Amino acid sequence: MNYYLWTREEDDRSLAWIMSTPAFLMDHPKEYQLYEGVSVRSWWLREPVVYNLSDERGIRLSDAIPCVGHDIIVSEELKRLLEERSGADIEFLSVRILNQKQRLVPEPYFLMNLLGTVDCVDLERSKFKRSAIRPDLISTFYLLVLDESRIPADKKLFRLKHSPKLVVIREDLGREILDAGCDGMFFLDLEEYGKEWGRR
């Protein structure tokens, strides 16, 4: 089975983008937990956090709104599909979207917080640089290779233990998402990831 990285769609210029972090998250001391595969519901605001659409991109809302950084903001339709088909433990946190005219869009959106990690990076075959702050984590991949024998058979969507900001999706789930007509995301072949940094 093939695996891909869940990334954002960058070629469709019609899509609306989120290019800034809400003030609530910028100022929160535990914001980093959103990218560690742990629950944040205990400190998440009761009222939805507001994300602003950028004036520098398009206006069309997608099912996975492209974000600068690692946030994955999904529509209700994509949320429902992931709940029904991914088999993953996901915390969906309600957010609101403020459009370029400073009006709240009526459609519900959610921040996808994927819980847990999978220890499946092939450290012998991969090429990478470890984090200077946390040596147990990888800050940059020049080549990312997975050891598929260490991926549980039921894992279609998961974070990497050595780099939990990265979300991996199995080919069959990715196909279901695309076949359902969901847009805004791009599933990147693992062989392509890290090429931009050279040093292979």
C-alpha atoms as a PDB file:
ATOM      1  CA  MET A   1       0.000   0.000   0.000  1.00  0.00           C
ATOM      2  CA  ASN A   2       1.299   3.460  -0.867  1.00  0.00           C
ATOM      3  CA  TYR A   3       1.464   6.327   1.606  1.00  0.00           C
ATOM      4  CA  TYR A   4       1.479  10.081   1.005  1.00  0.00           C
ATOM      5  CA  LEU A   5       1.954  13.272   2.977  1.00  0.00           C
ATOM      6  CA  TRP A   6      -1.173  15.375   3.480  1.00  0.00           C
ATOM      7  CA  THR A   7      -0.182  18.841   2.252  1.00  0.00           C
ATOM      8  CA  ARG A   8      -1.992  21.886   0.869  1.00  0.00           C
ATOM      9  CA  GLU A   9      -3.064  22.563  -2.708  1.00  0.00           C
ATOM     10  CA  GLU A  10      -0.768  25.301  -3.995  1.00  0.00           C
ATOM     11  CA  ASP A  11      -1.495  25.432  -7.738  1.00  0.00           C
ATOM     12  CA  ASP A  12      -5.162  26.474  -7.739  1.00  0.00           C
ATOM     13  CA  ARG A  13      -5.041  30.269  -7.496  1.00  0.00           C
ATOM     14  CA  SER A  14      -8.814  30.499  -6.987  1.00  0.00           C
ATOM     15  CA  LEU A  15      -8.621  28.956  -3.522  1.00  0.00           C
ATOM     16  CA  ALA A  16      -8.880  31.042  -0.366  1.00  0.00           C
ATOM     17  CA  TRP A  17      -5.925  30.679   2.004  1.00  0.00           C
ATOM     18  CA  ILE A  18      -5.292  31.197   5.697  1.00  0.00           C
ATOM     19  CA  MET A  19      -1.921  32.882   6.084  1.00  0.00           C
ATOM     20  CA  SER A  20      -1.964  34.007   9.706  1.00  0.00           C
ATOM     21  CA  THR A  21      -2.384  32.409  13.116  1.00  0.00           C
ATOM     22  CA  PRO A  22      -5.323  33.464  15.322  1.00  0.00           C
ATOM     23  CA  ALA A  23      -4.248  35.689  18.223  1.00  0.00           C
ATOM     24  CA  PHE A  24      -5.628  33.150  20.697  1.00  0.00           C
ATOM     25  CA  LEU A  25      -3.176  30.530  19.454  1.00  0.00           C
ATOM     26  CA  MET A  26      -0.213  32.870  19.011  1.00  0.00           C
ATOM     27  CA  ASP A  27      -0.455  33.880  22.657  1.00  0.00           C
ATOM     28  CA  HIS A  28      -1.267  30.475  24.110  1.00  0.00           C
ATOM     29  CA  PRO A  29       1.571  28.714  25.993  1.00  0.00           C
ATOM     30  CA  LYS A  30       0.364  25.264  24.879  1.00  0.00           C
ATOM     31  CA  GLU A  31      -0.185  26.026  21.181  1.00  0.00           C
ATOM     32  CA  TYR A  32       2.635  23.615  20.312  1.00  0.00           C
ATOM     33  CA  GLN A  33       0.462  20.722  21.498  1.00  0.00           C
ATOM     34  CA  LEU A  34      -1.640  21.056  18.341  1.00  0.00           C
ATOM     35  CA  TYR A  35       1.242  19.446  16.461  1.00  0.00           C
ATOM     36  CA  GLU A  36       2.149  16.693  18.938  1.00  0.00           C
ATOM     37  CA  GLY A  37      -0.804  14.343  18.544  1.00  0.00           C
ATOM     38  CA  VAL A  38      -2.273  15.084  21.989  1.00  0.00           C
ATOM     39  CA  SER A  39      -5.696  16.340  23.007  1.00  0.00           C
ATOM     40  CA  VAL A  40      -6.055  20.108  23.456  1.00  0.00           C
ATOM     41  CA  ARG A  41      -9.762  20.183  24.283  1.00  0.00           C
ATOM     42  CA  SER A  42      -9.044  21.074  27.920  1.00  0.00           C
ATOM     43  CA  TRP A  43      -7.669  24.491  26.933  1.00  0.00           C
ATOM     44  CA  TRP A  44      -9.441  25.128  23.625  1.00  0.00           C
ATOM     45  CA  LEU A  45     -11.854  28.078  23.719  1.00  0.00           C
ATOM     46  CA  ARG A  46     -15.519  27.239  24.242  1.00  0.00           C
ATOM     47  CA  GLU A  47     -16.429  29.678  21.491  1.00  0.00           C
ATOM     48  CA  PRO A  48     -14.909  28.916  18.060  1.00  0.00           C
ATOM     49  CA  VAL A  49     -11.465  30.304  17.292  1.00  0.00           C
ATOM     50  CA  VAL A  50     -11.549  32.663  14.288  1.00  0.00           C
ATOM     51  CA  TYR A  51      -9.212  32.240  11.303  1.00  0.00           C
ATOM     52  CA  ASN A  52      -8.862  35.053   8.747  1.00  0.00           C
ATOM     53  CA  LEU A  53      -8.759  34.460   5.001  1.00  0.00           C
ATOM     54  CA  SER A  54      -5.896  36.232   3.271  1.00  0.00           C
ATOM     55  CA  ASP A  55      -6.379  39.113   0.821  1.00  0.00           C
ATOM     56  CA  GLU A  56      -3.387  37.822  -1.134  1.00  0.00           C
ATOM     57  CA  ARG A  57      -5.060  34.668  -2.503  1.00  0.00           C
ATOM     58  CA  GLY A  58      -8.365  33.583  -4.030  1.00  0.00           C
ATOM     59  CA  ILE A  59     -11.860  33.605  -2.560  1.00  0.00           C
ATOM     60  CA  ARG A  60     -13.146  30.073  -3.164  1.00  0.00           C
ATOM     61  CA  LEU A  61     -13.602  28.052   0.009  1.00  0.00           C
ATOM     62  CA  SER A  62     -12.417  24.452  -0.183  1.00  0.00           C
ATOM     63  CA  ASP A  63     -12.945  21.369   1.956  1.00  0.00           C
ATOM     64  CA  ALA A  64      -9.439  21.666   3.351  1.00  0.00           C
ATOM     65  CA  ILE A  65      -8.550  25.355   3.423  1.00  0.00           C
ATOM     66  CA  PRO A  66      -4.836  25.754   2.576  1.00  0.00           C
ATOM     67  CA  CYS A  67      -2.934  27.147   5.563  1.00  0.00           C
ATOM     68  CA  VAL A  68       0.570  28.462   5.983  1.00  0.00           C
ATOM     69  CA  GLY A  69       2.022  26.196   8.642  1.00  0.00           C
ATOM     70  CA  HIS A  70       0.654  22.850   9.727  1.00  0.00           C
ATOM     71  CA  ASP A  71      -2.976  23.544  10.618  1.00  0.00           C
ATOM     72  CA  ILE A  72      -5.523  21.435   8.711  1.00  0.00           C
ATOM     73  CA  ILE A  73      -8.901  23.203   8.551  1.00  0.00           C
ATOM     74  CA  VAL A  74     -11.671  20.987   7.156  1.00  0.00           C
ATOM     75  CA  SER A  75     -15.286  21.389   6.094  1.00  0.00           C
ATOM     76  CA  GLU A  76     -18.199  19.557   7.658  1.00  0.00           C
ATOM     77  CA  GLU A  77     -18.349  17.220   4.650  1.00  0.00           C
ATOM     78  CA  LEU A  78     -14.675  16.272   4.927  1.00  0.00           C
ATOM     79  CA  LYS A  79     -14.997  15.939   8.709  1.00  0.00           C
ATOM     80  CA  ARG A  80     -17.861  13.491   8.243  1.00  0.00           C
ATOM     81  CA  LEU A  81     -15.939  11.453   5.689  1.00  0.00           C
ATOM     82  CA  LEU A  82     -12.896  11.244   7.962  1.00  0.00           C
ATOM     83  CA  GLU A  83     -15.045  10.214  10.913  1.00  0.00           C
ATOM     84  CA  GLU A  84     -16.666   7.458   8.876  1.00  0.00           C
ATOM     85  CA  ARG A  85     -13.753   6.193   6.806  1.00  0.00           C
ATOM     86  CA  SER A  86     -10.362   7.039   8.347  1.00  0.00           C
ATOM     87  CA  GLY A  87     -10.516   4.865  11.465  1.00  0.00           C
ATOM     88  CA  ALA A  88      -8.285   7.490  13.079  1.00  0.00           C
ATOM     89  CA  ASP A  89      -8.660   9.091  16.496  1.00  0.00           C
ATOM     90  CA  ILE A  90      -9.306  12.713  15.566  1.00  0.00           C
ATOM     91  CA  GLU A  91     -10.264  15.685  17.719  1.00  0.00           C
ATOM     92  CA  PHE A  92     -12.285  18.096  15.573  1.00  0.00           C
ATOM     93  CA  LEU A  93     -12.202  21.592  17.073  1.00  0.00           C
ATOM     94  CA  SER A  94     -14.825  24.066  15.899  1.00  0.00           C
ATOM     95  CA  VAL A  95     -13.461  27.201  14.211  1.00  0.00           C
ATOM     96  CA  ARG A  96     -14.973  30.122  12.317  1.00  0.00           C
ATOM     97  CA  ILE A  97     -13.684  31.637   9.102  1.00  0.00           C
ATOM     98  CA  LEU A  98     -13.613  35.397   8.554  1.00  0.00           C
ATOM     99  CA  ASN A  99     -13.616  36.248   4.845  1.00  0.00           C
ATOM    100  CA  GLN A 100     -11.813  39.051   3.055  1.00  0.00           C
ATOM    101  CA  LYS A 101     -14.754  41.390   3.706  1.00  0.00           C
ATOM    102  CA  GLN A 102     -14.442  40.708   7.443  1.00  0.00           C
ATOM    103  CA  ARG A 103     -17.659  38.698   7.502  1.00  0.00           C
ATOM    104  CA  LEU A 104     -18.033  35.287   9.100  1.00  0.00           C
ATOM    105  CA  VAL A 105     -18.722  32.596   6.502  1.00  0.00           C
ATOM    106  CA  PRO A 106     -21.832  30.575   7.371  1.00  0.00           C
ATOM    107  CA  GLU A 107     -20.319  27.146   6.650  1.00  0.00           C
ATOM    108  CA  PRO A 108     -18.935  25.285   9.682  1.00  0.00           C
ATOM    109  CA  TYR A 109     -15.224  24.436   9.695  1.00  0.00           C
ATOM    110  CA  PHE A 110     -13.046  22.434  12.058  1.00  0.00           C
ATOM    111  CA  LEU A 111      -9.385  22.232  13.003  1.00  0.00           C
ATOM    112  CA  MET A 112      -8.353  18.603  12.556  1.00  0.00           C
ATOM    113  CA  ASN A 113      -6.229  17.522  15.519  1.00  0.00           C
ATOM    114  CA  LEU A 114      -5.041  14.008  14.720  1.00  0.00           C
ATOM    115  CA  LEU A 115      -4.253  12.189  17.968  1.00  0.00           C
ATOM    116  CA  GLY A 116      -1.399   9.768  18.539  1.00  0.00           C
ATOM    117  CA  THR A 117       1.689   8.993  16.462  1.00  0.00           C
ATOM    118  CA  VAL A 118       3.185   6.015  14.649  1.00  0.00           C
ATOM    119  CA  ASP A 119       6.868   5.077  14.995  1.00  0.00           C
ATOM    120  CA  CYS A 120       7.542   4.049  11.396  1.00  0.00           C
ATOM    121  CA  VAL A 121      10.296   6.260   9.982  1.00  0.00           C
ATOM    122  CA  ASP A 122      13.093   4.131   8.534  1.00  0.00           C
ATOM    123  CA  LEU A 123      15.974   5.957  10.208  1.00  0.00           C
ATOM    124  CA  GLU A 124      18.607   3.975   8.305  1.00  0.00           C
ATOM    125  CA  ARG A 125      17.311   4.819   4.831  1.00  0.00           C
ATOM    126  CA  SER A 126      15.914   8.290   5.491  1.00  0.00           C
ATOM    127  CA  LYS A 127      18.079  11.401   5.373  1.00  0.00           C
ATOM    128  CA  PHE A 128      17.312  14.142   7.851  1.00  0.00           C
ATOM    129  CA  LYS A 129      18.431  16.709  10.409  1.00  0.00           C
ATOM    130  CA  ARG A 130      17.422  16.349  14.040  1.00  0.00           C
ATOM    131  CA  SER A 131      15.966  19.198  16.060  1.00  0.00           C
ATOM    132  CA  ALA A 132      18.584  21.130  18.011  1.00  0.00           C
ATOM    133  CA  ILE A 133      16.066  21.728  20.802  1.00  0.00           C
ATOM    134  CA  ARG A 134      14.601  18.205  20.896  1.00  0.00           C
ATOM    135  CA  PRO A 135      17.044  15.648  19.453  1.00  0.00           C
ATOM    136  CA  ASP A 136      14.360  12.945  19.595  1.00  0.00           C
ATOM    137  CA  LEU A 137      12.503  14.826  16.836  1.00  0.00           C
ATOM    138  CA  ILE A 138      13.443  15.418  13.202  1.00  0.00           C
ATOM    139  CA  SER A 139      13.280  19.048  12.077  1.00  0.00           C
ATOM    140  CA  THR A 140      14.053  18.543   8.367  1.00  0.00           C
ATOM    141  CA  PHE A 141      13.787  15.589   6.015  1.00  0.00           C
ATOM    142  CA  TYR A 142      15.935  15.444   2.901  1.00  0.00           C
ATOM    143  CA  LEU A 143      14.561  11.972   2.160  1.00  0.00           C
ATOM    144  CA  LEU A 144      11.650  10.382   4.012  1.00  0.00           C
ATOM    145  CA  VAL A 145      11.350   6.584   3.916  1.00  0.00           C
ATOM    146  CA  LEU A 146       8.785   4.649   5.946  1.00  0.00           C
ATOM    147  CA  ASP A 147       9.152   1.139   7.302  1.00  0.00           C
ATOM    148  CA  GLU A 148       5.714  -0.116   6.300  1.00  0.00           C
ATOM    149  CA  SER A 149       6.084  -3.253   8.415  1.00  0.00           C
ATOM    150  CA  ARG A 150       5.763  -0.984  11.483  1.00  0.00           C
ATOM    151  CA  ILE A 151       2.528   0.665  10.344  1.00  0.00           C
ATOM    152  CA  PRO A 152      -0.530  -1.006  11.905  1.00  0.00           C
ATOM    153  CA  ALA A 153      -2.897  -2.447   9.315  1.00  0.00           C
ATOM    154  CA  ASP A 154      -5.754  -0.228  10.472  1.00  0.00           C
ATOM    155  CA  LYS A 155      -3.800   3.036  10.211  1.00  0.00           C
ATOM    156  CA  LYS A 156      -5.014   5.044   7.219  1.00  0.00           C
ATOM    157  CA  LEU A 157      -4.187   8.464   8.668  1.00  0.00           C
ATOM    158  CA  PHE A 158      -1.498   9.213  11.244  1.00  0.00           C
ATOM    159  CA  ARG A 159       1.262  11.483  12.503  1.00  0.00           C
ATOM    160  CA  LEU A 160       4.919  10.447  12.494  1.00  0.00           C
ATOM    161  CA  LYS A 161       6.467   9.896  15.921  1.00  0.00           C
ATOM    162  CA  HIS A 162       9.746  11.527  14.873  1.00  0.00           C
ATOM    163  CA  SER A 163       8.018  14.474  13.171  1.00  0.00           C
ATOM    164  CA  PRO A 164       4.433  14.758  14.468  1.00  0.00           C
ATOM    165  CA  LYS A 165       3.706  17.917  12.485  1.00  0.00           C
ATOM    166  CA  LEU A 166       3.634  15.701   9.386  1.00  0.00           C
ATOM    167  CA  VAL A 167       0.396  13.849   8.579  1.00  0.00           C
ATOM    168  CA  VAL A 168       0.585  10.659   6.484  1.00  0.00           C
ATOM    169  CA  ILE A 169      -2.403   9.281   4.580  1.00  0.00           C
ATOM    170  CA  ARG A 170      -2.805   5.830   3.060  1.00  0.00           C
ATOM    171  CA  GLU A 171      -3.608   5.669  -0.639  1.00  0.00           C
ATOM    172  CA  ASP A 172      -7.051   4.101  -0.279  1.00  0.00           C
ATOM    173  CA  LEU A 173      -8.302   6.800   2.091  1.00  0.00           C
ATOM    174  CA  GLY A 174      -6.805   9.520  -0.090  1.00  0.00           C
ATOM    175  CA  ARG A 175      -8.641   8.095  -3.084  1.00  0.00           C
ATOM    176  CA  GLU A 176     -11.935   8.055  -1.174  1.00  0.00           C
ATOM    177  CA  ILE A 177     -11.477  11.716  -0.248  1.00  0.00           C
ATOM    178  CA  LEU A 178     -10.739  12.752  -3.822  1.00  0.00           C
ATOM    179  CA  ASP A 179     -13.531  10.585  -5.247  1.00  0.00           C
ATOM    180  CA  ALA A 180     -15.952  12.341  -2.892  1.00  0.00           C
ATOM    181  CA  GLY A 181     -15.050  15.604  -4.597  1.00  0.00           C
ATOM    182  CA  CYS A 182     -13.235  17.117  -1.624  1.00  0.00           C
ATOM    183  CA  ASP A 183     -10.615  19.717  -2.525  1.00  0.00           C
ATOM    184  CA  GLY A 184      -7.983  22.015  -1.044  1.00  0.00           C
ATOM    185  CA  MET A 185      -5.530  19.306  -0.057  1.00  0.00           C
ATOM    186  CA  PHE A 186      -2.698  17.660  -1.997  1.00  0.00           C
ATOM    187  CA  PHE A 187      -1.329  14.202  -1.307  1.00  0.00           C
ATOM    188  CA  LEU A 188       2.410  14.335  -1.919  1.00  0.00           C
ATOM    189  CA  ASP A 189       4.381  11.251  -2.922  1.00  0.00           C
ATOM    190  CA  LEU A 190       6.926  10.531  -0.179  1.00  0.00           C
ATOM    191  CA  GLU A 191       9.715  10.303  -2.767  1.00  0.00           C
ATOM    192  CA  GLU A 192       9.095  13.963  -3.639  1.00  0.00           C
ATOM    193  CA  TYR A 193       9.153  15.230  -0.074  1.00  0.00           C
ATOM    194  CA  GLY A 194      12.413  16.890   0.951  1.00  0.00           C
ATOM    195  CA  LYS A 195      13.794  17.285  -2.569  1.00  0.00           C
ATOM    196  CA  GLU A 196      13.658  21.061  -2.253  1.00  0.00           C
ATOM    197  CA  TRP A 197      16.326  20.905   0.465  1.00  0.00           C
ATOM    198  CA  GLY A 198      18.799  18.934  -1.684  1.00  0.00           C
ATOM    199  CA  ARG A 199      21.482  16.882   0.113  1.00  0.00           C
ATOM    200  CA  ARG A 200      20.207  13.521  -1.138  1.00  0.00           C
END
